[in-house]
Protein backbone atom coordinates (compact mmCIF):
# COMPACT_ATOMS: atom_id res chain seq x y z
CA MET A 1 0.00 0.00 0.00
CA GLN A 2 1.17 3.53 -0.71
CA ASN A 3 2.47 5.84 2.00
CA VAL A 4 -0.42 6.74 4.33
CA PHE A 5 -0.45 10.06 6.21
CA ASP A 6 -2.23 10.52 9.52
CA ILE A 7 -4.24 13.51 8.28
CA MET A 8 -4.70 15.13 4.90
CA VAL A 9 -5.92 18.73 4.61
CA VAL A 10 -7.51 19.38 1.22
CA GLY A 11 -7.48 23.09 0.45
CA ALA A 12 -4.33 25.17 0.92
CA GLY A 13 -6.11 28.48 1.46
CA MET A 14 -6.42 30.61 4.57
CA MET A 15 -8.18 28.08 6.81
CA GLY A 16 -6.58 24.95 5.40
CA SER A 17 -3.01 26.24 5.68
CA ALA A 18 -3.70 27.35 9.27
CA ALA A 19 -5.12 23.95 10.20
CA ALA A 20 -2.10 22.23 8.64
CA ARG A 21 0.31 24.40 10.64
CA HIS A 22 -1.42 23.60 13.92
CA LEU A 23 -1.66 19.89 13.07
CA GLY A 24 2.05 19.95 12.28
CA GLN A 25 2.74 20.84 15.92
CA THR A 26 1.15 17.60 17.15
CA GLY A 27 3.68 15.15 15.76
CA LEU A 28 1.16 13.68 13.31
CA ARG A 29 2.17 13.00 9.72
CA VAL A 30 0.29 15.71 7.84
CA VAL A 31 -0.08 16.51 4.14
CA LEU A 32 -1.56 19.76 2.83
CA VAL A 33 -2.95 19.55 -0.71
CA GLY A 34 -4.09 22.45 -2.90
CA PRO A 35 -3.41 24.11 -6.24
CA GLY A 36 -1.35 27.21 -6.84
CA GLU A 37 -2.88 30.51 -7.88
CA PRO A 38 -3.89 30.61 -11.56
CA GLY A 39 -1.78 32.89 -13.69
CA GLU A 40 -4.76 34.32 -15.58
CA ALA A 41 -8.20 34.11 -13.98
CA LYS A 42 -10.20 34.97 -17.10
CA HIS A 43 -9.46 31.61 -18.73
CA HIS A 44 -8.92 29.46 -15.66
CA THR A 45 -11.16 26.37 -15.53
CA GLY A 46 -10.10 24.97 -12.16
CA VAL A 47 -11.00 26.07 -8.64
CA PHE A 48 -10.37 29.51 -7.14
CA ALA A 49 -9.51 30.59 -3.60
CA SER A 50 -10.38 33.53 -1.38
CA HIS A 51 -6.77 34.53 -0.71
CA TYR A 52 -6.00 35.58 -4.28
CA ASP A 53 -5.86 39.23 -3.24
CA ASN A 54 -3.44 41.59 -1.50
CA ALA A 55 -5.64 43.15 1.16
CA ARG A 56 -8.16 42.10 3.80
CA ILE A 57 -9.19 44.11 6.87
CA THR A 58 -8.06 42.82 10.25
CA ARG A 59 -9.34 44.00 13.62
CA ARG A 60 -10.39 42.79 17.04
CA LEU A 61 -13.41 45.09 17.08
CA ASP A 62 -16.61 43.32 16.05
CA ARG A 63 -20.26 43.48 17.00
CA ASN A 64 -20.29 39.69 17.48
CA VAL A 65 -18.33 38.35 20.44
CA ASP A 66 -17.26 35.10 18.74
CA TRP A 67 -15.85 36.83 15.66
CA SER A 68 -14.07 39.29 17.95
CA ARG A 69 -12.51 36.50 19.98
CA LEU A 70 -11.55 34.49 16.91
CA SER A 71 -9.72 37.50 15.49
CA SER A 72 -8.13 38.44 18.83
CA ALA A 73 -6.62 34.95 19.15
CA SER A 74 -5.36 35.03 15.56
CA ILE A 75 -3.90 38.54 15.72
CA ALA A 76 -1.98 37.57 18.85
CA ARG A 77 -0.17 34.89 16.77
CA TYR A 78 0.54 36.97 13.65
CA GLY A 79 4.11 37.70 14.77
CA GLU A 80 4.83 34.03 15.46
CA ILE A 81 3.51 32.99 12.04
CA GLU A 82 5.48 35.73 10.25
CA ALA A 83 8.70 34.76 12.02
CA LEU A 84 8.39 31.03 11.39
CA GLY A 85 7.05 31.41 7.86
CA GLN A 86 9.54 34.19 7.04
CA ARG A 87 6.87 36.34 5.39
CA THR A 88 5.38 39.64 6.62
CA PHE A 89 1.64 39.89 6.05
CA PHE A 90 0.26 42.10 8.86
CA HIS A 91 0.21 45.88 8.44
CA PRO A 92 -1.01 47.58 11.66
CA VAL A 93 -2.26 50.86 10.22
CA GLY A 94 -5.32 50.89 12.49
CA ALA A 95 -9.00 50.21 11.84
CA LEU A 96 -12.15 52.31 12.13
CA MET A 97 -15.61 50.93 12.83
CA ALA A 98 -17.92 53.81 11.96
CA GLY A 99 -21.66 54.40 11.95
CA PRO A 100 -24.47 56.61 13.24
CA GLU A 101 -24.38 57.12 16.99
CA GLU A 102 -28.16 57.55 17.17
CA GLY A 103 -31.14 56.42 15.12
CA PRO A 104 -31.27 53.80 12.34
CA GLY A 105 -28.06 51.77 12.08
CA SER A 106 -26.78 52.80 15.50
CA ALA A 107 -27.09 49.24 16.86
CA PHE A 108 -23.96 48.41 14.83
CA ILE A 109 -21.75 50.78 16.82
CA ARG A 110 -23.42 50.10 20.16
CA ALA A 111 -22.95 46.34 19.84
CA THR A 112 -19.33 46.73 18.73
CA ALA A 113 -18.50 48.99 21.69
CA GLU A 114 -20.24 46.61 24.10
CA VAL A 115 -18.22 43.61 22.92
CA ALA A 116 -15.00 45.64 23.11
CA ARG A 117 -15.66 46.75 26.68
CA GLN A 118 -16.66 43.24 27.71
CA ASP A 119 -13.41 41.76 26.41
CA GLU A 120 -11.25 44.79 27.30
CA ILE A 121 -10.26 45.65 23.74
CA GLU A 122 -8.58 49.04 23.54
CA PHE A 123 -10.23 51.60 21.28
CA GLU A 124 -10.81 55.34 21.01
CA GLU A 125 -14.16 57.04 20.34
CA LEU A 126 -13.89 59.66 17.58
CA ARG A 127 -16.62 62.11 16.59
CA ASP A 128 -17.02 64.94 14.08
CA ALA A 129 -14.09 67.34 14.75
CA GLN A 130 -11.84 64.59 16.12
CA LEU A 131 -12.43 62.44 13.05
CA LYS A 132 -11.76 65.37 10.73
CA ARG A 133 -8.55 66.32 12.53
CA LEU A 134 -7.07 62.82 12.46
CA PHE A 135 -8.32 61.80 9.02
CA PRO A 136 -9.05 64.94 6.97
CA TYR A 137 -9.55 62.96 3.75
CA PHE A 138 -12.72 61.30 5.12
CA GLN A 139 -16.06 63.12 4.87
CA PHE A 140 -18.21 61.34 7.45
CA PRO A 141 -21.65 62.94 7.97
CA ASP A 142 -22.44 64.65 11.27
CA GLY A 143 -23.53 62.26 13.98
CA VAL A 144 -21.17 59.45 13.00
CA LEU A 145 -19.22 57.76 15.78
CA ALA A 146 -16.01 55.92 14.89
CA LEU A 147 -14.34 53.36 17.13
CA TYR A 148 -10.62 53.49 16.39
CA GLU A 149 -8.50 50.38 17.00
CA ARG A 150 -5.06 51.88 16.71
CA ASP A 151 -2.50 49.10 17.24
CA THR A 152 -4.09 45.73 16.49
CA GLY A 153 -6.24 46.87 13.57
CA GLY A 154 -5.16 47.32 9.96
CA TRP A 155 -4.89 44.94 7.05
CA ILE A 156 -3.31 41.66 6.08
CA ASN A 157 -2.04 40.46 2.73
CA PRO A 158 -3.86 37.12 2.35
CA ARG A 159 -1.44 35.84 -0.28
CA ASP A 160 1.48 36.42 2.09
CA HIS A 161 -0.52 35.10 5.06
CA VAL A 162 -1.08 31.77 3.31
CA ALA A 163 2.55 31.63 2.15
CA ALA A 164 3.71 32.22 5.74
CA GLN A 165 1.37 29.55 7.11
CA ILE A 166 2.54 27.01 4.54
CA GLY A 167 6.19 27.88 5.14
CA ALA A 168 5.71 27.50 8.89
CA ALA A 169 3.81 24.22 8.42
CA VAL A 170 6.55 22.75 6.22
CA LYS A 171 9.15 23.66 8.86
CA ARG A 172 7.05 21.65 11.31
CA GLY A 173 7.19 18.58 9.06
CA VAL A 174 4.02 19.04 7.01
CA THR A 175 4.22 17.81 3.42
CA HIS A 176 2.90 20.32 0.89
CA HIS A 177 1.53 18.81 -2.34
CA VAL A 178 0.60 21.37 -5.02
CA ALA A 179 -2.37 19.93 -6.91
CA GLU A 180 -6.15 20.23 -7.17
CA VAL A 181 -8.07 17.35 -5.59
CA SER A 182 -10.90 16.08 -7.79
CA LYS A 183 -12.33 13.43 -5.45
CA VAL A 184 -11.80 11.75 -2.08
CA GLU A 185 -12.85 8.14 -1.57
CA GLU A 186 -12.88 5.92 1.50
CA ALA A 187 -10.80 2.72 1.41
CA GLU A 188 -10.47 -0.03 4.03
CA ASP A 189 -8.81 1.91 6.83
CA HIS A 190 -7.99 5.22 5.13
CA VAL A 191 -9.09 7.63 2.43
CA ILE A 192 -7.57 8.23 -0.99
CA ALA A 193 -7.55 11.61 -2.72
CA THR A 194 -7.23 11.67 -6.49
CA CYS A 195 -5.72 14.85 -7.92
CA SER A 196 -6.32 16.45 -11.30
CA ASP A 197 -2.69 15.73 -12.25
CA GLY A 198 -3.30 12.00 -11.76
CA SER A 199 -1.48 11.68 -8.44
CA THR A 200 -3.11 10.02 -5.43
CA ILE A 201 -2.60 10.62 -1.70
CA ALA A 202 -3.70 8.37 1.18
CA ALA A 203 -4.41 9.35 4.79
CA ARG A 204 -6.20 7.97 7.85
CA LYS A 205 -8.35 11.10 8.06
CA VAL A 206 -9.13 14.00 5.76
CA MET A 207 -10.18 17.59 6.36
CA ILE A 208 -11.92 19.34 3.48
CA ALA A 209 -11.15 23.08 3.62
CA CYS A 210 -11.92 24.20 0.08
CA GLY A 211 -13.85 27.39 0.78
CA ALA A 212 -16.72 27.94 -1.63
CA PHE A 213 -15.82 24.68 -3.38
CA SER A 214 -16.14 22.54 -0.23
CA LYS A 215 -19.48 21.14 -1.32
CA ALA A 216 -18.24 20.11 -4.75
CA GLU A 217 -19.29 16.61 -5.69
CA GLY A 218 -16.87 13.89 -4.58
CA LEU A 219 -15.22 15.67 -1.64
CA LEU A 220 -17.39 15.12 1.47
CA PRO A 221 -19.94 12.37 2.22
CA VAL A 222 -22.51 15.09 3.03
CA PRO A 223 -22.24 18.46 1.25
CA PRO A 224 -21.84 21.12 3.96
CA ASP A 225 -24.73 23.51 4.57
CA PHE A 226 -23.72 26.98 3.38
CA LYS A 227 -24.59 29.43 0.64
CA VAL A 228 -22.15 31.13 -1.70
CA PHE A 229 -22.84 34.74 -2.72
CA ALA A 230 -21.33 36.76 -5.55
CA ARG A 231 -19.38 39.84 -4.50
CA THR A 232 -18.08 42.85 -6.43
CA VAL A 233 -15.17 45.09 -5.44
CA VAL A 234 -13.91 48.39 -6.87
CA TYR A 235 -10.25 49.46 -6.96
CA PHE A 236 -9.24 53.14 -7.00
CA GLU A 237 -5.80 53.55 -8.58
CA LEU A 238 -3.61 56.10 -6.76
CA SER A 239 -0.68 58.22 -7.82
CA GLU A 240 2.49 58.19 -5.74
CA ALA A 241 1.56 61.63 -4.37
CA GLN A 242 -1.84 60.34 -3.24
CA VAL A 243 -0.22 57.33 -1.58
CA LYS A 244 1.92 59.70 0.48
CA GLU A 245 -1.06 61.89 1.37
CA LEU A 246 -2.95 58.84 2.63
CA SER A 247 -0.02 57.24 4.45
CA ASN A 248 -1.86 57.14 7.79
CA MET A 249 -5.18 55.90 6.39
CA PRO A 250 -6.73 53.08 8.45
CA SER A 251 -8.98 50.28 7.27
CA VAL A 252 -12.67 51.19 7.55
CA VAL A 253 -15.90 49.30 8.17
CA TYR A 254 -18.77 51.75 7.77
CA MET A 255 -22.52 51.80 8.29
CA PRO A 256 -23.68 55.03 6.58
CA PRO A 257 -26.66 56.83 8.13
CA ASP A 258 -28.77 56.32 4.98
CA LEU A 259 -28.15 52.52 5.21
CA SER A 260 -27.71 52.46 1.41
CA CYS A 261 -24.95 49.87 1.65
CA ASP A 262 -22.53 48.42 4.18
CA PRO A 263 -19.10 49.21 2.74
CA TYR A 264 -15.63 48.26 3.86
CA VAL A 265 -12.58 50.19 2.64
CA LEU A 266 -8.92 49.16 2.50
CA PRO A 267 -6.18 51.83 2.60
CA PRO A 268 -3.57 52.16 -0.18
CA VAL A 269 -2.05 48.75 -0.88
CA ARG A 270 0.49 47.78 -3.53
CA TYR A 271 -0.76 45.02 -5.85
CA PRO A 272 1.24 42.63 -8.08
CA ASP A 273 1.09 45.08 -10.99
CA GLY A 274 3.16 47.50 -8.91
CA LYS A 275 0.33 50.03 -8.50
CA HIS A 276 -1.36 51.17 -5.29
CA TYR A 277 -5.11 50.83 -4.92
CA ILE A 278 -7.78 51.66 -2.38
CA LYS A 279 -10.37 48.88 -2.41
CA ILE A 280 -14.05 49.13 -1.49
CA GLY A 281 -16.59 46.32 -1.22
CA GLY A 282 -19.96 45.72 0.38
CA ASP A 283 -22.72 44.38 -1.90
CA PRO A 284 -26.24 45.59 -1.01
CA GLN A 285 -27.82 42.24 -1.99
CA ASN A 286 -26.97 38.56 -1.70
CA ILE A 287 -26.94 36.94 -5.15
CA GLU A 288 -26.49 33.21 -4.63
CA LEU A 289 -24.25 31.09 -6.85
CA GLU A 290 -25.93 27.70 -6.93
CA ASP A 291 -23.10 25.36 -7.96
CA THR A 292 -19.37 25.13 -8.60
CA GLY A 293 -19.83 25.91 -12.29
CA ALA A 294 -21.54 29.20 -11.42
CA ILE A 295 -18.84 30.02 -8.87
CA LYS A 296 -16.06 29.48 -11.40
CA ALA A 297 -17.87 31.53 -14.01
CA TRP A 298 -18.34 34.40 -11.54
CA PHE A 299 -14.64 34.43 -10.59
CA ARG A 300 -13.80 34.89 -14.27
CA THR A 301 -15.83 38.14 -14.44
CA ASP A 302 -15.12 41.70 -13.30
CA GLY A 303 -18.14 41.72 -11.01
CA HIS A 304 -21.54 43.36 -11.44
CA ALA A 305 -21.66 46.81 -13.08
CA ASP A 306 -24.62 48.08 -11.01
CA VAL A 307 -22.97 47.12 -7.73
CA ALA A 308 -19.70 48.69 -8.88
CA ALA A 309 -21.53 51.97 -9.60
CA LEU A 310 -23.10 51.95 -6.12
CA LEU A 311 -19.73 51.28 -4.49
CA ARG A 312 -18.06 54.09 -6.46
CA GLU A 313 -20.76 56.47 -5.27
CA ALA A 314 -20.31 55.34 -1.66
CA MET A 315 -16.54 55.79 -1.93
CA LEU A 316 -16.82 59.29 -3.34
CA LYS A 317 -19.20 60.32 -0.56
CA LEU A 318 -16.62 59.16 1.97
CA MET A 319 -13.51 60.33 0.07
CA PRO A 320 -14.56 62.98 -2.50
CA ASP A 321 -10.94 63.76 -3.43
CA LEU A 322 -10.87 60.44 -5.32
CA ARG A 323 -13.40 61.65 -7.88
CA ASP A 324 -10.95 61.82 -10.79
CA VAL A 325 -9.07 58.63 -9.87
CA PRO A 326 -9.19 55.76 -12.41
CA THR A 327 -11.09 52.70 -11.21
CA SER A 328 -11.36 49.03 -12.05
CA THR A 329 -13.53 46.23 -10.71
CA GLY A 330 -13.15 42.64 -9.59
CA SER A 331 -15.14 39.66 -8.37
CA CYS A 332 -14.98 37.41 -5.34
CA VAL A 333 -17.39 35.31 -3.27
CA THR A 334 -18.37 34.82 0.35
CA SER A 335 -19.65 31.60 1.94
CA PHE A 336 -22.27 31.93 4.67
CA THR A 337 -23.31 29.11 6.98
CA SER A 338 -26.74 29.02 8.63
CA SER A 339 -25.18 29.94 11.99
CA GLY A 340 -23.17 32.85 10.58
CA LYS A 341 -20.04 31.23 12.05
CA PRO A 342 -17.40 28.92 10.55
CA LEU A 343 -18.36 25.28 10.07
CA ILE A 344 -15.85 23.04 11.88
CA HIS A 345 -17.49 19.65 11.79
CA GLN A 346 -16.76 15.91 11.89
CA GLN A 347 -18.96 13.98 9.43
CA THR A 348 -17.61 10.45 9.82
CA ASP A 349 -14.69 8.76 11.54
CA ARG A 350 -12.48 9.89 8.66
CA PHE A 351 -14.07 13.01 7.13
CA PHE A 352 -14.01 16.55 8.58
CA ALA A 353 -15.37 19.79 7.11
CA LEU A 354 -13.77 23.21 7.60
CA THR A 355 -15.41 26.08 5.73
CA GLY A 356 -17.64 29.16 5.96
CA GLY A 357 -15.72 32.39 6.37
CA CYS A 358 -19.01 34.32 6.34
CA GLY A 359 -17.24 37.40 5.01
CA ALA A 360 -15.15 37.69 8.17
CA GLY A 361 -12.83 34.69 8.15
CA ALA A 362 -9.61 36.09 6.67
CA LYS A 363 -8.49 38.02 9.73
CA CYS A 364 -9.12 35.13 12.12
CA CYS A 365 -8.30 32.10 9.98
CA ASP A 366 -5.45 31.01 12.25
CA GLU A 367 -7.73 30.49 15.24
CA ILE A 368 -10.34 28.80 13.04
CA GLY A 369 -7.62 26.45 11.80
CA ARG A 370 -6.47 25.80 15.37
CA LEU A 371 -10.01 24.82 16.40
CA ALA A 372 -10.23 22.46 13.42
CA ALA A 373 -6.92 20.85 14.38
CA GLU A 374 -8.22 20.48 17.92
CA LEU A 375 -11.34 18.72 16.66
CA VAL A 376 -9.26 16.23 14.67
CA THR A 377 -6.80 15.46 17.46
CA ALA A 378 -9.05 15.65 20.55
CA GLY A 379 -12.35 14.58 19.03
CA ARG A 380 -14.02 17.83 20.08
CA ILE A 381 -13.43 21.57 20.29
CA ARG A 382 -12.40 22.14 23.88
CA SER A 383 -12.09 25.92 23.81
CA GLY A 384 -14.81 27.24 26.10
CA GLN A 385 -14.66 30.94 25.22
CA TYR A 386 -17.02 30.76 22.22
CA THR A 387 -20.81 30.88 22.31
CA THR A 388 -21.21 28.69 19.21
CA CYS A 389 -20.29 25.01 18.81
CA PHE A 390 -19.36 25.53 15.11
CA GLY A 391 -21.54 22.57 14.11
CA PRO A 392 -23.92 22.26 11.13
CA THR A 393 -27.11 22.60 13.22
CA ASP A 394 -25.89 25.46 15.43
CA ALA A 395 -28.30 28.41 15.32
């Protein structure tokens, strides 16, 4: 019989690479399997991953206590991951959670402040004149309250985050196999994964961590319960002078008083083409992608034109000085479970599911991966600080 690993993690994205790193600390024989990033998305026919981007917001502040605690635990380990993986991915430029202090939409800020005080997360309250003094390029309406997380907020480069996790995992003895898995089948006392390149890998147990593609046919005995929604983002291309002017710009999560959309904004970030962009996202509607074919087709597009127009308008209300800046658009997806939390679930003695970032998973993927590794090795998630059990029926 071929070489059999103790555990195989299928999906070398943000959650899968984190789970592999934590499993690598246990002494188990671990293999991490996943394809590399496609060179040209427009004509790519294989799977896609959520970390094919240069910027995601990170912060401890959140209106939900579990997401706050997941991110707090992950952020505390960023330095360790960067050192072991020899790749810097965290940029602590600060983060703003902003919204109306009174009236419609104010529950967003109140809940966020309540969670922060409960868990003793440091933040500053900024209003009108204070906001304008610190960040003169923002044009928040009167009555907006911003919670400013100065030191632990900012952004991460998800490409570099995954590279650091994989590098750290390999140093801990994890085998990294670059290939797309097409199916996983159960054998006598193990499972066998067949890859699109014809290779096969055997392991006693398998964790499927394939993001939006986790319910693709042939991977798990029971397709996990989550929905995949199409998302559009807009990139504002900056000049070098504008990059300097915005050098202290934090990441922003914003609930505008008119509740027209729920945008998030990344500060200037350099992308692989060498240019700096400010990115805005926040679709006003959930458009579901029903199957893997639809997901792949969406990733090959530049997003939805109507959503892009709405996001441009929202960006120019917040930062009117960007009016003459060239823009481009892109597409991505988010996977939402019924609980609104990650799905970390054992289906059979050999199959485990790890998926469901719910639009918030990038910043806290390391803790999500740690919990998945704990489930595999201990048979349950022992961490008692979370209000959810991360199971498929959790409400």
